[in-house]
Structure formats: C-alpha cells, structure tokens
Amino acid sequence: MYDYVLELEDLERMLLIVPAEERSKISDAKYEVADRMFSCFCILDSGSINEELLVYVLGTRKGKAMLSRCITQLRCEHSRAILYHLLGNMATIVAHDRQHQLLRLLCAPLGSIVHSGNITMVTIWMKSLLDGLSYYGDLSESLATILNDRLGMSLVSDIVQRAEHLCTMNNATLDLQTEWIKILQQIYPHLMPLLRKIPQSKDTMILSDVLAKNSRLLRSPLATFGGK
C-alpha cells in the first residue's frame, strides 16, 4: 500500500509542473494507481470495503499516516466509501488509537470529503456512525467516547455543519431535510449534555452553536433546518 502512496504523491507533483497538454495522461496514470490503492481495502474481486482490514490499518501508526496522505487522492466515490465504513467502526478505531493518538492526522482530509458531500451523503454518513455506536447499547456512553476523540468530534461537527449549510442554502428537498432532522432529533438529547462536559475547542463551539440554533426542531417536526 505504501508504495502506492509514494507513487500517487509523485504523480500529484508532476501534475503541478508539466505542460497543460501532458496533464491528462498523468491524471489518467494517477487514477490507475489510486484505483489499485483502493482495491487494497476491498474484499477480493468484490469492490466492497473489507471493514476488518480498514480497522486493522487504522489500528497502526503507519496505517493512519498512510491513509491521511492518500485518501483525498482517491476517486471521490472511493474516498466517500472509506469514510462511510470508517464511521461505522468509529468506536473500535478510536479505542485502538488511545496509545498512538494519531487519528487527528485524518481530521483535515476527512473533513474535506464531508464538505464535498450532498445532503444524502451526510445523512448516510451520520446513520453509519449511529448504527455503529448503537451496537454498544448505550448511545450516550458511546457518543462520549467518540466526542472525546479529536477526529470523532471533528467529523460529527463537520457533518452537522455541512447538513445545516446544505439545508439553509436550499440544496436539499423537504423530504431530505425531514430525514436529516429525524437523525438530529435522535442524537440531540445525548449531544447537548456531553458538549457541556467536553473541553472546549473550535469543533465543540461550532457544533454547540448549530444545535442550539436549531433546538426548536425537537419541538416542531414541521420546522426546517437552519432556523428558517
């Protein structure tokens, strides 16, 4: 895998220096390498993410550093698929990082993927996170574990912030907004008490602000996101 990362970075640098007429060829070569890189995370010949392998890779120091360097170099649909499965296994991944404390390296690259998503994607990502956490029974307790991790807090904040932006900019139908609001209603009672206990950071302040601004959604199922 690491050889693919180095090759991707070399090709990315070449794209910045070669004449415009040569960039298409290099870009094609880059995506070929990126596809081979992505296939390393998949179950053989299926195209489906091997979650056990992903969790294993993110349980190592080199794995976290490697993924932070390559995930934004993959095709959009591939990087989004990895994010989906990462969120579904977030509790396990965070637990494995207690010794290394290197998941923070993924905050920026995964945040950029979140902020490129539409309302359907951010809804699916949040559902994946909650489905994974529900496996452990106590949602408040498992959410606390996630929110006390820098990457976990960053991703929850990014997803909620992205959803608010899409809804307030009318980039989501009423049905999609309603689906998102139901998720917000599910996690709001757990999030707000936790945010009062967690050390303040930029992400906690952003998340608290968005949730506070939209707290009336809990009282009115017909309300729209963003205070509209």
Protein backbone atom coordinates (compact mmCIF):
# COMPACT_ATOMS: atom_id res chain seq x y z
CA MET A 1 0.00 0.00 0.00
CA TYR A 2 2.73 2.44 0.98
CA ASP A 3 4.36 2.16 -2.46
CA TYR A 4 1.09 3.32 -3.99
CA VAL A 5 1.04 6.35 -1.68
CA LEU A 6 4.52 7.39 -2.81
CA GLU A 7 3.55 6.89 -6.45
CA LEU A 8 0.40 8.97 -6.03
CA GLU A 9 2.36 11.79 -4.44
CA ASP A 10 4.94 11.73 -7.23
CA LEU A 11 2.21 11.92 -9.87
CA GLU A 12 0.49 14.75 -8.00
CA ARG A 13 3.73 16.74 -8.01
CA MET A 14 4.18 16.06 -11.73
CA LEU A 15 0.71 17.47 -12.43
CA LEU A 16 1.88 20.78 -10.99
CA ILE A 17 4.96 21.14 -13.19
CA VAL A 18 4.25 19.53 -16.57
CA PRO A 19 2.77 21.47 -19.53
CA ALA A 20 -1.01 21.52 -19.74
CA GLU A 21 -1.08 19.20 -22.75
CA GLU A 22 0.61 16.43 -20.74
CA ARG A 23 -1.59 16.62 -17.66
CA SER A 24 -4.37 14.41 -18.98
CA LYS A 25 -2.00 11.47 -19.41
CA ILE A 26 -0.54 11.92 -15.92
CA SER A 27 -4.01 12.34 -14.43
CA ASP A 28 -5.08 9.04 -16.01
CA ALA A 29 -1.98 7.35 -14.58
CA LYS A 30 -2.73 8.80 -11.16
CA TYR A 31 -6.26 7.38 -11.15
CA GLU A 32 -4.95 3.97 -12.21
CA VAL A 33 -2.65 3.96 -9.18
CA ALA A 34 -5.46 5.33 -6.97
CA ASP A 35 -7.76 2.51 -8.09
CA ARG A 36 -5.11 -0.07 -7.24
CA MET A 37 -4.69 1.60 -3.86
CA PHE A 38 -8.43 1.45 -3.20
CA SER A 39 -8.58 -2.21 -4.24
CA CYS A 40 -6.20 -2.99 -1.37
CA PHE A 41 -9.01 -2.07 1.03
CA CYS A 42 -11.58 -4.24 -0.75
CA ILE A 43 -12.66 -7.85 -0.42
CA LEU A 44 -11.06 -9.68 -3.34
CA ASP A 45 -12.93 -9.21 -6.64
CA SER A 46 -15.99 -7.74 -4.90
CA GLY A 47 -15.32 -3.99 -4.85
CA SER A 48 -16.70 -3.92 -1.29
CA ILE A 49 -14.67 -2.45 1.56
CA ASN A 50 -13.07 -5.02 3.83
CA GLU A 51 -14.01 -3.44 7.17
CA GLU A 52 -11.77 -5.72 9.21
CA LEU A 53 -8.78 -4.69 7.12
CA LEU A 54 -9.69 -0.99 7.35
CA VAL A 55 -9.94 -1.21 11.13
CA TYR A 56 -6.63 -3.09 11.25
CA VAL A 57 -4.87 -0.48 9.09
CA LEU A 58 -6.21 2.34 11.25
CA GLY A 59 -5.01 0.49 14.33
CA THR A 60 -1.39 1.04 13.30
CA ARG A 61 0.68 4.21 13.34
CA LYS A 62 1.79 3.79 9.72
CA GLY A 63 -1.75 2.97 8.62
CA LYS A 64 -3.19 6.20 9.98
CA ALA A 65 -0.38 8.27 8.48
CA MET A 66 -0.72 6.47 5.15
CA LEU A 67 -4.49 6.96 4.87
CA SER A 68 -4.21 10.63 5.83
CA ARG A 69 -1.84 11.13 2.89
CA CYS A 70 -3.75 9.19 0.25
CA ILE A 71 -7.49 9.33 0.90
CA THR A 72 -8.07 12.65 -0.89
CA GLN A 73 -6.08 11.33 -3.86
CA LEU A 74 -8.64 8.58 -4.48
CA ARG A 75 -11.70 8.91 -6.67
CA CYS A 76 -14.48 10.76 -4.84
CA GLU A 77 -16.73 7.71 -4.67
CA HIS A 78 -13.90 5.64 -3.20
CA SER A 79 -12.88 8.14 -0.54
CA ARG A 80 -16.54 8.55 0.44
CA ALA A 81 -16.95 4.78 0.73
CA ILE A 82 -13.94 4.56 3.04
CA LEU A 83 -15.36 7.40 5.17
CA TYR A 84 -18.71 5.56 5.42
CA HIS A 85 -17.10 2.37 6.72
CA LEU A 86 -14.71 4.29 8.97
CA LEU A 87 -17.68 5.99 10.64
CA GLY A 88 -19.45 2.66 11.08
CA ASN A 89 -16.45 1.37 13.01
CA MET A 90 -15.56 4.62 14.74
CA ALA A 91 -15.78 3.32 18.30
CA THR A 92 -13.34 0.49 17.62
CA ILE A 93 -10.98 2.73 15.66
CA VAL A 94 -10.93 5.34 18.45
CA ALA A 95 -10.28 2.63 21.06
CA HIS A 96 -7.30 1.37 19.07
CA ASP A 97 -5.87 4.88 18.84
CA ARG A 98 -5.59 5.53 22.58
CA GLN A 99 -1.93 4.64 22.56
CA HIS A 100 -0.92 6.37 19.33
CA GLN A 101 -3.19 9.46 19.35
CA LEU A 102 -2.71 9.84 15.59
CA LEU A 103 -6.28 9.84 14.28
CA ARG A 104 -6.03 13.63 14.38
CA LEU A 105 -4.00 13.37 11.15
CA LEU A 106 -7.24 12.44 9.39
CA CYS A 107 -9.24 15.48 10.55
CA ALA A 108 -8.41 17.72 7.58
CA PRO A 109 -8.60 15.16 4.75
CA LEU A 110 -11.81 13.56 6.02
CA GLY A 111 -13.29 16.99 6.74
CA SER A 112 -12.72 17.99 3.11
CA ILE A 113 -14.58 14.87 2.00
CA VAL A 114 -17.52 15.66 4.30
CA HIS A 115 -17.73 19.22 3.00
CA SER A 116 -17.90 17.95 -0.59
CA GLY A 117 -20.93 15.77 0.16
CA ASN A 118 -24.60 16.46 -0.55
CA ILE A 119 -27.42 16.10 1.99
CA THR A 120 -27.99 12.44 1.09
CA MET A 121 -24.34 11.64 1.73
CA VAL A 122 -24.09 13.43 5.06
CA THR A 123 -27.29 11.71 6.19
CA ILE A 124 -25.90 8.30 5.22
CA TRP A 125 -22.60 9.07 6.97
CA MET A 126 -24.32 10.06 10.20
CA LYS A 127 -26.55 6.99 10.04
CA SER A 128 -23.45 4.82 9.62
CA LEU A 129 -21.89 6.40 12.72
CA LEU A 130 -25.04 5.95 14.82
CA ASP A 131 -25.63 2.38 13.62
CA GLY A 132 -22.08 1.52 14.60
CA LEU A 133 -22.43 3.14 18.01
CA SER A 134 -25.81 1.51 18.69
CA TYR A 135 -24.08 -1.86 18.61
CA TYR A 136 -22.62 -0.98 22.03
CA GLY A 137 -26.07 -0.34 23.54
CA ASP A 138 -25.71 2.93 25.45
CA LEU A 139 -25.69 5.71 22.83
CA SER A 140 -24.71 8.42 25.32
CA GLU A 141 -21.72 6.43 26.53
CA SER A 142 -20.51 5.51 23.06
CA LEU A 143 -21.02 9.07 21.82
CA ALA A 144 -18.97 10.33 24.75
CA THR A 145 -16.11 8.08 23.65
CA ILE A 146 -16.30 9.44 20.12
CA LEU A 147 -16.64 13.10 21.09
CA ASN A 148 -13.67 12.92 23.44
CA ASP A 149 -11.54 11.96 20.46
CA ARG A 150 -10.33 14.78 18.24
CA LEU A 151 -11.24 13.03 14.97
CA GLY A 152 -14.61 11.90 16.29
CA MET A 153 -15.55 15.40 17.40
CA SER A 154 -14.25 16.88 14.15
CA LEU A 155 -16.31 14.52 11.99
CA VAL A 156 -19.55 14.96 13.96
CA SER A 157 -19.10 18.74 13.85
CA ASP A 158 -18.30 18.71 10.12
CA ILE A 159 -21.28 16.52 9.25
CA VAL A 160 -23.77 18.62 11.25
CA GLN A 161 -22.28 21.86 9.92
CA ARG A 162 -22.40 20.59 6.33
CA ALA A 163 -26.03 19.50 6.70
CA GLU A 164 -27.04 22.89 8.05
CA HIS A 165 -25.31 24.66 5.17
CA LEU A 166 -26.99 22.48 2.54
CA CYS A 167 -30.43 22.88 4.11
CA THR A 168 -30.24 26.64 4.64
CA MET A 169 -28.95 27.14 1.09
CA ASN A 170 -31.96 25.22 -0.27
CA ASN A 171 -29.72 22.45 -1.58
CA ALA A 172 -31.97 19.78 -0.08
CA THR A 173 -35.58 18.82 -0.74
CA LEU A 174 -38.09 18.93 2.10
CA ASP A 175 -38.10 15.12 2.30
CA LEU A 176 -34.31 15.01 2.64
CA GLN A 177 -34.38 17.79 5.24
CA THR A 178 -37.00 15.86 7.19
CA GLU A 179 -34.87 12.72 7.12
CA TRP A 180 -31.88 14.68 8.41
CA ILE A 181 -33.97 16.34 11.15
CA LYS A 182 -35.08 12.92 12.42
CA ILE A 183 -31.44 11.98 12.90
CA LEU A 184 -30.75 15.27 14.67
CA GLN A 185 -33.70 14.66 16.98
CA GLN A 186 -32.31 11.20 17.77
CA ILE A 187 -28.89 12.44 18.86
CA TYR A 188 -29.68 15.91 20.25
CA PRO A 189 -30.65 14.76 23.78
CA HIS A 190 -27.35 12.89 24.02
CA LEU A 191 -25.11 15.50 22.42
CA MET A 192 -26.01 18.61 24.38
CA PRO A 193 -25.18 17.27 27.88
CA LEU A 194 -21.93 15.82 26.54
CA LEU A 195 -20.88 19.08 24.92
CA ARG A 196 -21.15 20.82 28.31
CA LYS A 197 -18.62 18.39 29.79
CA ILE A 198 -16.11 18.11 26.94
CA PRO A 199 -13.17 20.57 26.85
CA GLN A 200 -13.96 23.47 24.55
CA SER A 201 -12.46 23.56 21.08
CA LYS A 202 -13.35 25.09 17.73
CA ASP A 203 -15.33 21.98 16.80
CA THR A 204 -17.28 21.83 20.07
CA MET A 205 -18.21 25.50 19.76
CA ILE A 206 -19.36 25.10 16.14
CA LEU A 207 -21.39 22.01 16.98
CA SER A 208 -22.94 23.60 20.08
CA ASP A 209 -23.88 26.70 18.09
CA VAL A 210 -25.56 24.76 15.28
CA LEU A 211 -27.50 22.57 17.69
CA ALA A 212 -28.57 25.47 19.89
CA LYS A 213 -29.73 27.48 16.88
CA ASN A 214 -31.87 24.56 15.74
CA SER A 215 -33.12 23.34 19.11
CA ARG A 216 -36.73 24.14 18.19
CA LEU A 217 -36.64 21.20 15.78
CA LEU A 218 -37.16 18.98 18.80
CA ARG A 219 -40.48 20.68 19.49
CA SER A 220 -41.76 21.08 15.94
CA PRO A 221 -41.43 18.20 13.44
CA LEU A 222 -42.52 20.58 10.68
CA ALA A 223 -39.69 23.04 11.29
CA THR A 224 -36.92 23.40 8.71
CA PHE A 225 -33.22 23.25 9.39
CA GLY A 226 -31.22 26.42 9.86
CA GLY A 227 -33.94 28.32 11.70
CA LYS A 228 -35.93 29.10 8.54
